[in-house]
Amino acid sequence: MNDIRRYLYGLLLLCFMMSVGTDNMIAQENTTQQSMPSDSLAAAKLQELKKRKEAKVEYYSIKDRLAFRANMVSWVLATPSIGVQFDLFPQDYNKWTIGADVKWNPGVNQTFDPQLEYKMLDVKVEARKYFRESLTIKPGQKRMPKYWRAYYWGVYAGYTDYTIHIRNGFEGSHIGVGGTAGWEIPMITFATGALDLDLGVNAGFMFGKNTKRTENETKTGYNYRVKGWHFTPYPIISEIRVALVYRFMSVKGKYNRSKR
């Protein structure tokens, strides 16, 4: 009987010692975790969240960020126009672009004083930001959002040198700065790219000089009135745009995602 008691007492003592040891291990682990700086834990969590977010971002190639355009209004007015546009950042949520356009008609060389003469050189650089209408339809809203359109606004700066004579007329040059606005619509999708339509307008202020030519009273020559460098006192429409835009990735799939 005494042996059984000794055995039970020993078993209880062993269980007590194991319990105390386990409590000490848990307390030591909690102390170690608490000793880690809280900012380090926050930084680790932030880094993990950042990695998850970046994993969802798509990056476009240089080819997919390019666009080539031609303003049909300029071509109809005998001034060939060509331009290029490039997405500023490669992420799929980027909505900023930079671009440049050139319009040029060299005219013809003539050895006599012509009644009809037209020459034009226009160089422009611009920055645009694209956006789309919200697809959320509010209560009572009857109009369907035009989700297929990509709207834009931006700024431009350019230089123009021109000669426009139809008997009377002007010649001169100016520097222009102002704003641009419009929208783009997807038209045709090819196996290797897409054709979009760009409808927009440019308007701004000009700083330039010009010479006005008028026919004199005898109809045998011209009078010229020179006006030096001056600012226009009000904004002037500098371009009406109906342009065809070729992209390797249609505007239908671009500029419609928000930053994650």
C-alpha atoms as a PDB file:
ATOM      1  CA  MET A   1       0.000   0.000   0.000  1.00  0.00           C
ATOM      2  CA  ASN A   2       2.814   2.359   0.858  1.00  0.00           C
ATOM      3  CA  ASP A   3       4.437   1.602  -2.488  1.00  0.00           C
ATOM      4  CA  ILE A   4       1.250   2.613  -4.335  1.00  0.00           C
ATOM      5  CA  ARG A   5       1.101   5.897  -2.413  1.00  0.00           C
ATOM      6  CA  ARG A   6       4.726   6.647  -3.203  1.00  0.00           C
ATOM      7  CA  TYR A   7       4.045   5.930  -6.858  1.00  0.00           C
ATOM      8  CA  LEU A   8       1.005   8.266  -6.951  1.00  0.00           C
ATOM      9  CA  TYR A   9       2.888  11.031  -5.135  1.00  0.00           C
ATOM     10  CA  GLY A  10       5.787  10.740  -7.621  1.00  0.00           C
ATOM     11  CA  LEU A  11       3.407  10.829 -10.591  1.00  0.00           C
ATOM     12  CA  LEU A  12       1.706  13.992  -9.269  1.00  0.00           C
ATOM     13  CA  LEU A  13       5.096  15.631  -8.672  1.00  0.00           C
ATOM     14  CA  LEU A  14       6.186  14.819 -12.242  1.00  0.00           C
ATOM     15  CA  CYS A  15       2.996  16.312 -13.725  1.00  0.00           C
ATOM     16  CA  PHE A  16       3.457  19.485 -11.671  1.00  0.00           C
ATOM     17  CA  MET A  17       7.054  19.916 -12.864  1.00  0.00           C
ATOM     18  CA  MET A  18       6.043  19.407 -16.497  1.00  0.00           C
ATOM     19  CA  SER A  19       3.277  21.993 -16.114  1.00  0.00           C
ATOM     20  CA  VAL A  20       5.684  24.560 -14.657  1.00  0.00           C
ATOM     21  CA  GLY A  21       8.185  23.933 -17.476  1.00  0.00           C
ATOM     22  CA  THR A  22       5.535  24.406 -20.178  1.00  0.00           C
ATOM     23  CA  ASP A  23       4.383  27.696 -18.595  1.00  0.00           C
ATOM     24  CA  ASN A  24       7.970  28.942 -18.536  1.00  0.00           C
ATOM     25  CA  MET A  25       8.451  28.147 -22.266  1.00  0.00           C
ATOM     26  CA  ILE A  26       5.252  29.993 -23.258  1.00  0.00           C
ATOM     27  CA  ALA A  27       6.188  32.997 -21.126  1.00  0.00           C
ATOM     28  CA  GLN A  28       9.665  33.106 -22.707  1.00  0.00           C
ATOM     29  CA  GLU A  29       8.174  33.015 -26.259  1.00  0.00           C
ATOM     30  CA  ASN A  30       5.756  35.843 -25.448  1.00  0.00           C
ATOM     31  CA  THR A  31       8.615  37.883 -24.018  1.00  0.00           C
ATOM     32  CA  THR A  32      10.625  37.387 -27.210  1.00  0.00           C
ATOM     33  CA  GLN A  33       7.733  38.534 -29.402  1.00  0.00           C
ATOM     34  CA  GLN A  34       7.108  41.563 -27.221  1.00  0.00           C
ATOM     35  CA  SER A  35      10.784  42.508 -27.361  1.00  0.00           C
ATOM     36  CA  MET A  36      10.592  42.800 -31.201  1.00  0.00           C
ATOM     37  CA  PRO A  37      10.116  46.484 -32.135  1.00  0.00           C
ATOM     38  CA  SER A  38       6.530  47.293 -33.126  1.00  0.00           C
ATOM     39  CA  ASP A  39       7.699  49.328 -36.156  1.00  0.00           C
ATOM     40  CA  SER A  40       9.498  46.266 -37.507  1.00  0.00           C
ATOM     41  CA  LEU A  41       6.286  44.263 -37.327  1.00  0.00           C
ATOM     42  CA  ALA A  42       4.376  47.049 -39.064  1.00  0.00           C
ATOM     43  CA  ALA A  43       7.050  47.293 -41.779  1.00  0.00           C
ATOM     44  CA  ALA A  44       6.913  43.536 -42.379  1.00  0.00           C
ATOM     45  CA  LYS A  45       3.116  43.621 -42.733  1.00  0.00           C
ATOM     46  CA  LEU A  46       3.304  46.616 -45.057  1.00  0.00           C
ATOM     47  CA  GLN A  47       5.889  44.893 -47.237  1.00  0.00           C
ATOM     48  CA  GLU A  48       3.697  41.809 -47.486  1.00  0.00           C
ATOM     49  CA  LEU A  49       0.678  43.880 -48.497  1.00  0.00           C
ATOM     50  CA  LYS A  50       2.789  45.714 -51.064  1.00  0.00           C
ATOM     51  CA  LYS A  51       3.954  42.456 -52.615  1.00  0.00           C
ATOM     52  CA  ARG A  52       0.374  41.234 -52.900  1.00  0.00           C
ATOM     53  CA  LYS A  53      -0.689  44.499 -54.531  1.00  0.00           C
ATOM     54  CA  GLU A  54       2.215  44.551 -57.023  1.00  0.00           C
ATOM     55  CA  ALA A  55       1.456  40.982 -57.992  1.00  0.00           C
ATOM     56  CA  LYS A  56      -1.867  42.160 -59.440  1.00  0.00           C
ATOM     57  CA  VAL A  57      -0.408  45.047 -61.492  1.00  0.00           C
ATOM     58  CA  GLU A  58       0.121  44.440 -65.231  1.00  0.00           C
ATOM     59  CA  TYR A  59       3.033  46.066 -67.032  1.00  0.00           C
ATOM     60  CA  TYR A  60       2.704  47.032 -70.694  1.00  0.00           C
ATOM     61  CA  SER A  61       5.523  46.631 -73.177  1.00  0.00           C
ATOM     62  CA  ILE A  62       6.989  49.613 -75.032  1.00  0.00           C
ATOM     63  CA  LYS A  63       5.059  48.584 -78.148  1.00  0.00           C
ATOM     64  CA  ASP A  64       1.732  48.533 -76.287  1.00  0.00           C
ATOM     65  CA  ARG A  65       2.440  52.027 -74.920  1.00  0.00           C
ATOM     66  CA  LEU A  66       2.938  53.538 -78.404  1.00  0.00           C
ATOM     67  CA  ALA A  67       0.343  55.232 -80.628  1.00  0.00           C
ATOM     68  CA  PHE A  68       0.610  56.910 -84.055  1.00  0.00           C
ATOM     69  CA  ARG A  69      -1.945  59.450 -85.257  1.00  0.00           C
ATOM     70  CA  ALA A  70      -2.843  61.623 -88.242  1.00  0.00           C
ATOM     71  CA  ASN A  71      -5.281  64.535 -88.163  1.00  0.00           C
ATOM     72  CA  MET A  72      -7.577  64.165 -91.178  1.00  0.00           C
ATOM     73  CA  VAL A  73      -8.616  67.834 -91.002  1.00  0.00           C
ATOM     74  CA  SER A  74      -5.028  68.869 -91.727  1.00  0.00           C
ATOM     75  CA  TRP A  75      -4.718  66.389 -94.579  1.00  0.00           C
ATOM     76  CA  VAL A  76      -7.910  67.743 -96.188  1.00  0.00           C
ATOM     77  CA  LEU A  77      -6.421  71.258 -95.914  1.00  0.00           C
ATOM     78  CA  ALA A  78      -3.308  70.102 -97.820  1.00  0.00           C
ATOM     79  CA  THR A  79      -1.137  70.027 -94.712  1.00  0.00           C
ATOM     80  CA  PRO A  80       0.098  66.477 -94.013  1.00  0.00           C
ATOM     81  CA  SER A  81       0.040  65.735 -90.292  1.00  0.00           C
ATOM     82  CA  ILE A  82       1.698  62.955 -88.327  1.00  0.00           C
ATOM     83  CA  GLY A  83       2.060  62.441 -84.585  1.00  0.00           C
ATOM     84  CA  VAL A  84       3.230  59.984 -81.962  1.00  0.00           C
ATOM     85  CA  GLN A  85       2.030  59.348 -78.417  1.00  0.00           C
ATOM     86  CA  PHE A  86       3.585  57.358 -75.583  1.00  0.00           C
ATOM     87  CA  ASP A  87       2.210  56.249 -72.206  1.00  0.00           C
ATOM     88  CA  LEU A  88       4.248  57.911 -69.493  1.00  0.00           C
ATOM     89  CA  PHE A  89       4.367  54.873 -67.159  1.00  0.00           C
ATOM     90  CA  PRO A  90       4.189  51.120 -67.937  1.00  0.00           C
ATOM     91  CA  GLN A  91       1.647  50.147 -65.244  1.00  0.00           C
ATOM     92  CA  ASP A  92      -1.855  49.286 -66.428  1.00  0.00           C
ATOM     93  CA  TYR A  93      -3.354  51.970 -64.164  1.00  0.00           C
ATOM     94  CA  ASN A  94      -1.346  54.758 -65.840  1.00  0.00           C
ATOM     95  CA  LYS A  95      -3.499  57.481 -67.435  1.00  0.00           C
ATOM     96  CA  TRP A  96      -0.822  60.056 -68.445  1.00  0.00           C
ATOM     97  CA  THR A  97       0.708  60.306 -71.925  1.00  0.00           C
ATOM     98  CA  ILE A  98       3.156  62.557 -73.754  1.00  0.00           C
ATOM     99  CA  GLY A  99       3.067  63.227 -77.482  1.00  0.00           C
ATOM    100  CA  ALA A 100       4.340  65.293 -80.392  1.00  0.00           C
ATOM    101  CA  ASP A 101       2.793  66.290 -83.742  1.00  0.00           C
ATOM    102  CA  VAL A 102       4.177  67.854 -86.920  1.00  0.00           C
ATOM    103  CA  LYS A 103       2.189  69.499 -89.741  1.00  0.00           C
ATOM    104  CA  TRP A 104       4.089  70.626 -92.848  1.00  0.00           C
ATOM    105  CA  ASN A 105       3.375  71.995 -96.302  1.00  0.00           C
ATOM    106  CA  PRO A 106       6.562  73.335 -97.937  1.00  0.00           C
ATOM    107  CA  GLY A 107       4.758  75.232-100.692  1.00  0.00           C
ATOM    108  CA  VAL A 108       6.445  75.663-104.090  1.00  0.00           C
ATOM    109  CA  ASN A 109       9.373  77.746-105.306  1.00  0.00           C
ATOM    110  CA  GLN A 110       8.256  80.605-107.537  1.00  0.00           C
ATOM    111  CA  THR A 111      10.170  83.378-109.313  1.00  0.00           C
ATOM    112  CA  PHE A 112       7.236  85.818-109.502  1.00  0.00           C
ATOM    113  CA  ASP A 113       4.983  87.512-106.975  1.00  0.00           C
ATOM    114  CA  PRO A 114       2.138  84.976-106.605  1.00  0.00           C
ATOM    115  CA  GLN A 115      -1.467  85.775-105.852  1.00  0.00           C
ATOM    116  CA  LEU A 116      -1.987  82.373-104.255  1.00  0.00           C
ATOM    117  CA  GLU A 117       0.604  81.017-101.813  1.00  0.00           C
ATOM    118  CA  TYR A 118       0.388  78.598 -98.912  1.00  0.00           C
ATOM    119  CA  LYS A 119       3.144  77.347 -96.622  1.00  0.00           C
ATOM    120  CA  MET A 120       2.863  75.847 -93.164  1.00  0.00           C
ATOM    121  CA  LEU A 121       5.128  74.369 -90.498  1.00  0.00           C
ATOM    122  CA  ASP A 122       3.589  73.521 -87.142  1.00  0.00           C
ATOM    123  CA  VAL A 123       5.341  71.599 -84.339  1.00  0.00           C
ATOM    124  CA  LYS A 124       3.563  70.765 -81.087  1.00  0.00           C
ATOM    125  CA  VAL A 125       4.247  68.796 -77.894  1.00  0.00           C
ATOM    126  CA  GLU A 126       1.548  67.911 -75.377  1.00  0.00           C
ATOM    127  CA  ALA A 127       0.708  65.998 -72.215  1.00  0.00           C
ATOM    128  CA  ARG A 128      -2.665  64.304 -71.690  1.00  0.00           C
ATOM    129  CA  LYS A 129      -4.541  62.633 -68.860  1.00  0.00           C
ATOM    130  CA  TYR A 130      -7.261  60.114 -69.746  1.00  0.00           C
ATOM    131  CA  PHE A 131     -10.373  59.219 -67.761  1.00  0.00           C
ATOM    132  CA  ARG A 132     -13.695  57.413 -68.253  1.00  0.00           C
ATOM    133  CA  GLU A 133     -17.241  57.812 -67.022  1.00  0.00           C
ATOM    134  CA  SER A 134     -18.198  55.858 -63.935  1.00  0.00           C
ATOM    135  CA  LEU A 135     -20.108  52.653 -64.671  1.00  0.00           C
ATOM    136  CA  THR A 136     -22.107  53.083 -61.477  1.00  0.00           C
ATOM    137  CA  ILE A 137     -25.694  53.958 -62.401  1.00  0.00           C
ATOM    138  CA  LYS A 138     -27.302  56.177 -59.784  1.00  0.00           C
ATOM    139  CA  PRO A 139     -31.014  55.925 -58.867  1.00  0.00           C
ATOM    140  CA  GLY A 140     -33.086  57.868 -61.377  1.00  0.00           C
ATOM    141  CA  GLN A 141     -30.269  58.064 -63.933  1.00  0.00           C
ATOM    142  CA  LYS A 142     -31.676  57.478 -67.412  1.00  0.00           C
ATOM    143  CA  ARG A 143     -28.575  57.917 -69.560  1.00  0.00           C
ATOM    144  CA  MET A 144     -26.305  54.908 -70.014  1.00  0.00           C
ATOM    145  CA  PRO A 145     -22.638  55.780 -69.285  1.00  0.00           C
ATOM    146  CA  LYS A 146     -20.583  55.887 -72.482  1.00  0.00           C
ATOM    147  CA  TYR A 147     -18.070  53.359 -71.163  1.00  0.00           C
ATOM    148  CA  TRP A 148     -16.506  52.829 -74.604  1.00  0.00           C
ATOM    149  CA  ARG A 149     -15.189  56.416 -74.700  1.00  0.00           C
ATOM    150  CA  ALA A 150     -11.851  57.443 -73.211  1.00  0.00           C
ATOM    151  CA  TYR A 151     -11.974  61.172 -72.451  1.00  0.00           C
ATOM    152  CA  TYR A 152      -8.871  63.308 -72.008  1.00  0.00           C
ATOM    153  CA  TRP A 153      -7.657  66.779 -71.124  1.00  0.00           C
ATOM    154  CA  GLY A 154      -4.163  68.213 -71.176  1.00  0.00           C
ATOM    155  CA  VAL A 155      -1.780  71.019 -72.077  1.00  0.00           C
ATOM    156  CA  TYR A 156       0.310  71.781 -75.168  1.00  0.00           C
ATOM    157  CA  ALA A 157       3.033  74.091 -76.442  1.00  0.00           C
ATOM    158  CA  GLY A 158       4.017  74.662 -80.059  1.00  0.00           C
ATOM    159  CA  TYR A 159       5.646  76.761 -82.748  1.00  0.00           C
ATOM    160  CA  THR A 160       4.055  77.751 -86.085  1.00  0.00           C
ATOM    161  CA  ASP A 161       5.508  79.417 -89.193  1.00  0.00           C
ATOM    162  CA  TYR A 162       3.022  80.177 -91.962  1.00  0.00           C
ATOM    163  CA  THR A 163       2.310  82.008 -95.222  1.00  0.00           C
ATOM    164  CA  ILE A 164      -1.306  82.253 -96.385  1.00  0.00           C
ATOM    165  CA  HIS A 165      -1.954  84.491 -99.408  1.00  0.00           C
ATOM    166  CA  ILE A 166      -5.100  84.504-101.538  1.00  0.00           C
ATOM    167  CA  ARG A 167      -4.287  87.870-103.075  1.00  0.00           C
ATOM    168  CA  ASN A 168      -4.619  89.361 -99.587  1.00  0.00           C
ATOM    169  CA  GLY A 169      -3.384  87.386 -96.621  1.00  0.00           C
ATOM    170  CA  PHE A 170      -0.881  86.970 -93.811  1.00  0.00           C
ATOM    171  CA  GLU A 171       2.558  85.567 -93.161  1.00  0.00           C
ATOM    172  CA  GLY A 172       4.358  85.242 -89.862  1.00  0.00           C
ATOM    173  CA  SER A 173       5.204  82.980 -86.950  1.00  0.00           C
ATOM    174  CA  HIS A 174       4.055  82.488 -83.373  1.00  0.00           C
ATOM    175  CA  ILE A 175       4.555  80.450 -80.213  1.00  0.00           C
ATOM    176  CA  GLY A 176       1.416  78.987 -78.647  1.00  0.00           C
ATOM    177  CA  VAL A 177       0.500  77.472 -75.289  1.00  0.00           C
ATOM    178  CA  GLY A 178      -2.878  76.268 -74.102  1.00  0.00           C
ATOM    179  CA  GLY A 179      -5.131  73.345 -73.340  1.00  0.00           C
ATOM    180  CA  THR A 180      -6.442  70.353 -75.221  1.00  0.00           C
ATOM    181  CA  ALA A 181      -9.564  68.252 -74.637  1.00  0.00           C
ATOM    182  CA  GLY A 182     -11.521  65.538 -76.405  1.00  0.00           C
ATOM    183  CA  TRP A 183     -12.261  61.837 -76.435  1.00  0.00           C
ATOM    184  CA  GLU A 184     -11.258  58.661 -78.268  1.00  0.00           C
ATOM    185  CA  ILE A 185     -13.470  55.865 -79.575  1.00  0.00           C
ATOM    186  CA  PRO A 186     -12.377  52.344 -80.607  1.00  0.00           C
ATOM    187  CA  MET A 187     -13.157  51.643 -84.277  1.00  0.00           C
ATOM    188  CA  ILE A 188     -11.491  48.549 -85.736  1.00  0.00           C
ATOM    189  CA  THR A 189      -9.419  45.812 -84.128  1.00  0.00           C
ATOM    190  CA  PHE A 190      -6.828  43.930 -86.203  1.00  0.00           C
ATOM    191  CA  ALA A 191      -4.744  40.888 -85.421  1.00  0.00           C
ATOM    192  CA  THR A 192      -1.696  43.101 -84.883  1.00  0.00           C
ATOM    193  CA  GLY A 193      -3.275  46.285 -83.536  1.00  0.00           C
ATOM    194  CA  ALA A 194      -6.287  48.591 -83.575  1.00  0.00           C
ATOM    195  CA  LEU A 195      -7.567  51.786 -85.167  1.00  0.00           C
ATOM    196  CA  ASP A 196      -9.171  54.406 -82.898  1.00  0.00           C
ATOM    197  CA  LEU A 197     -10.843  57.759 -83.595  1.00  0.00           C
ATOM    198  CA  ASP A 198      -9.665  60.904 -81.775  1.00  0.00           C
ATOM    199  CA  LEU A 199     -12.070  63.882 -81.651  1.00  0.00           C
ATOM    200  CA  GLY A 200     -10.805  67.011 -79.931  1.00  0.00           C
ATOM    201  CA  VAL A 201      -9.818  70.659 -79.975  1.00  0.00           C
ATOM    202  CA  ASN A 202      -6.835  72.805 -78.936  1.00  0.00           C
ATOM    203  CA  ALA A 203      -7.181  76.394 -77.744  1.00  0.00           C
ATOM    204  CA  GLY A 204      -4.750  78.804 -76.138  1.00  0.00           C
ATOM    205  CA  PHE A 205      -2.799  82.046 -76.237  1.00  0.00           C
ATOM    206  CA  MET A 206      -0.223  83.042 -78.849  1.00  0.00           C
ATOM    207  CA  PHE A 207       2.861  85.238 -78.887  1.00  0.00           C
ATOM    208  CA  GLY A 208       3.860  86.097 -82.436  1.00  0.00           C
ATOM    209  CA  LYS A 209       4.462  88.526 -85.278  1.00  0.00           C
ATOM    210  CA  ASN A 210       2.871  88.813 -88.715  1.00  0.00           C
ATOM    211  CA  THR A 211       2.777  90.776 -91.932  1.00  0.00           C
ATOM    212  CA  LYS A 212      -0.556  91.592 -93.533  1.00  0.00           C
ATOM    213  CA  ARG A 213      -0.647  91.858 -97.348  1.00  0.00           C
ATOM    214  CA  THR A 214      -3.394  93.803 -99.105  1.00  0.00           C
ATOM    215  CA  GLU A 215      -3.841  94.632-102.770  1.00  0.00           C
ATOM    216  CA  ASN A 216      -3.298  98.329-103.552  1.00  0.00           C
ATOM    217  CA  GLU A 217      -5.821 100.551-105.256  1.00  0.00           C
ATOM    218  CA  THR A 218      -4.208 100.264-108.709  1.00  0.00           C
ATOM    219  CA  LYS A 219      -4.385  96.454-108.592  1.00  0.00           C
ATOM    220  CA  THR A 220      -0.759  96.365-109.721  1.00  0.00           C
ATOM    221  CA  GLY A 221       0.909  95.528-106.438  1.00  0.00           C
ATOM    222  CA  TYR A 222       0.483  94.959-102.724  1.00  0.00           C
ATOM    223  CA  ASN A 223       0.721  96.932 -99.531  1.00  0.00           C
ATOM    224  CA  TYR A 224       2.369  95.360 -96.486  1.00  0.00           C
ATOM    225  CA  ARG A 225       1.679  96.168 -92.841  1.00  0.00           C
ATOM    226  CA  VAL A 226       4.068  94.645 -90.314  1.00  0.00           C
ATOM    227  CA  LYS A 227       3.013  93.940 -86.743  1.00  0.00           C
ATOM    228  CA  GLY A 228       5.782  93.066 -84.294  1.00  0.00           C
ATOM    229  CA  TRP A 229       5.803  90.513 -81.502  1.00  0.00           C
ATOM    230  CA  HIS A 230       2.609  90.664 -79.444  1.00  0.00           C
ATOM    231  CA  PHE A 231       0.271  88.515 -77.337  1.00  0.00           C
ATOM    232  CA  THR A 232      -3.246  87.624 -78.350  1.00  0.00           C
ATOM    233  CA  PRO A 233      -5.608  89.170 -75.757  1.00  0.00           C
ATOM    234  CA  TYR A 234      -7.926  86.146 -75.743  1.00  0.00           C
ATOM    235  CA  PRO A 235      -7.625  82.379 -76.348  1.00  0.00           C
ATOM    236  CA  ILE A 236      -7.788  81.207 -79.956  1.00  0.00           C
ATOM    237  CA  ILE A 237      -8.686  77.769 -81.328  1.00  0.00           C
ATOM    238  CA  SER A 238      -5.458  76.478 -82.815  1.00  0.00           C
ATOM    239  CA  GLU A 239      -6.548  73.010 -83.936  1.00  0.00           C
ATOM    240  CA  ILE A 240      -9.705  71.030 -84.611  1.00  0.00           C
ATOM    241  CA  ARG A 241      -8.877  67.344 -84.454  1.00  0.00           C
ATOM    242  CA  VAL A 242     -10.508  64.428 -86.264  1.00  0.00           C
ATOM    243  CA  ALA A 243      -7.600  62.025 -86.106  1.00  0.00           C
ATOM    244  CA  LEU A 244      -7.074  58.358 -86.870  1.00  0.00           C
ATOM    245  CA  VAL A 245      -4.944  56.675 -84.196  1.00  0.00           C
ATOM    246  CA  TYR A 246      -3.150  53.368 -84.706  1.00  0.00           C
ATOM    247  CA  ARG A 247      -2.240  51.432 -81.557  1.00  0.00           C
ATOM    248  CA  PHE A 248      -0.874  47.969 -80.936  1.00  0.00           C
ATOM    249  CA  MET A 249      -3.362  47.869 -78.018  1.00  0.00           C
ATOM    250  CA  SER A 250      -6.735  49.554 -78.559  1.00  0.00           C
ATOM    251  CA  VAL A 251      -7.877  52.399 -76.342  1.00  0.00           C
ATOM    252  CA  LYS A 252     -10.773  50.080 -75.444  1.00  0.00           C
ATOM    253  CA  GLY A 253      -8.468  48.175 -73.092  1.00  0.00           C
ATOM    254  CA  LYS A 254      -6.450  51.100 -71.733  1.00  0.00           C
ATOM    255  CA  TYR A 255      -6.864  53.952 -69.238  1.00  0.00           C
ATOM    256  CA  ASN A 256      -9.781  52.255 -67.451  1.00  0.00           C
ATOM    257  CA  ARG A 257      -8.121  50.750 -64.384  1.00  0.00           C
ATOM    258  CA  SER A 258      -7.486  52.429 -61.073  1.00  0.00           C
ATOM    259  CA  LYS A 259      -4.412  52.103 -58.878  1.00  0.00           C
ATOM    260  CA  ARG A 260      -4.732  49.098 -56.612  1.00  0.00           C
END
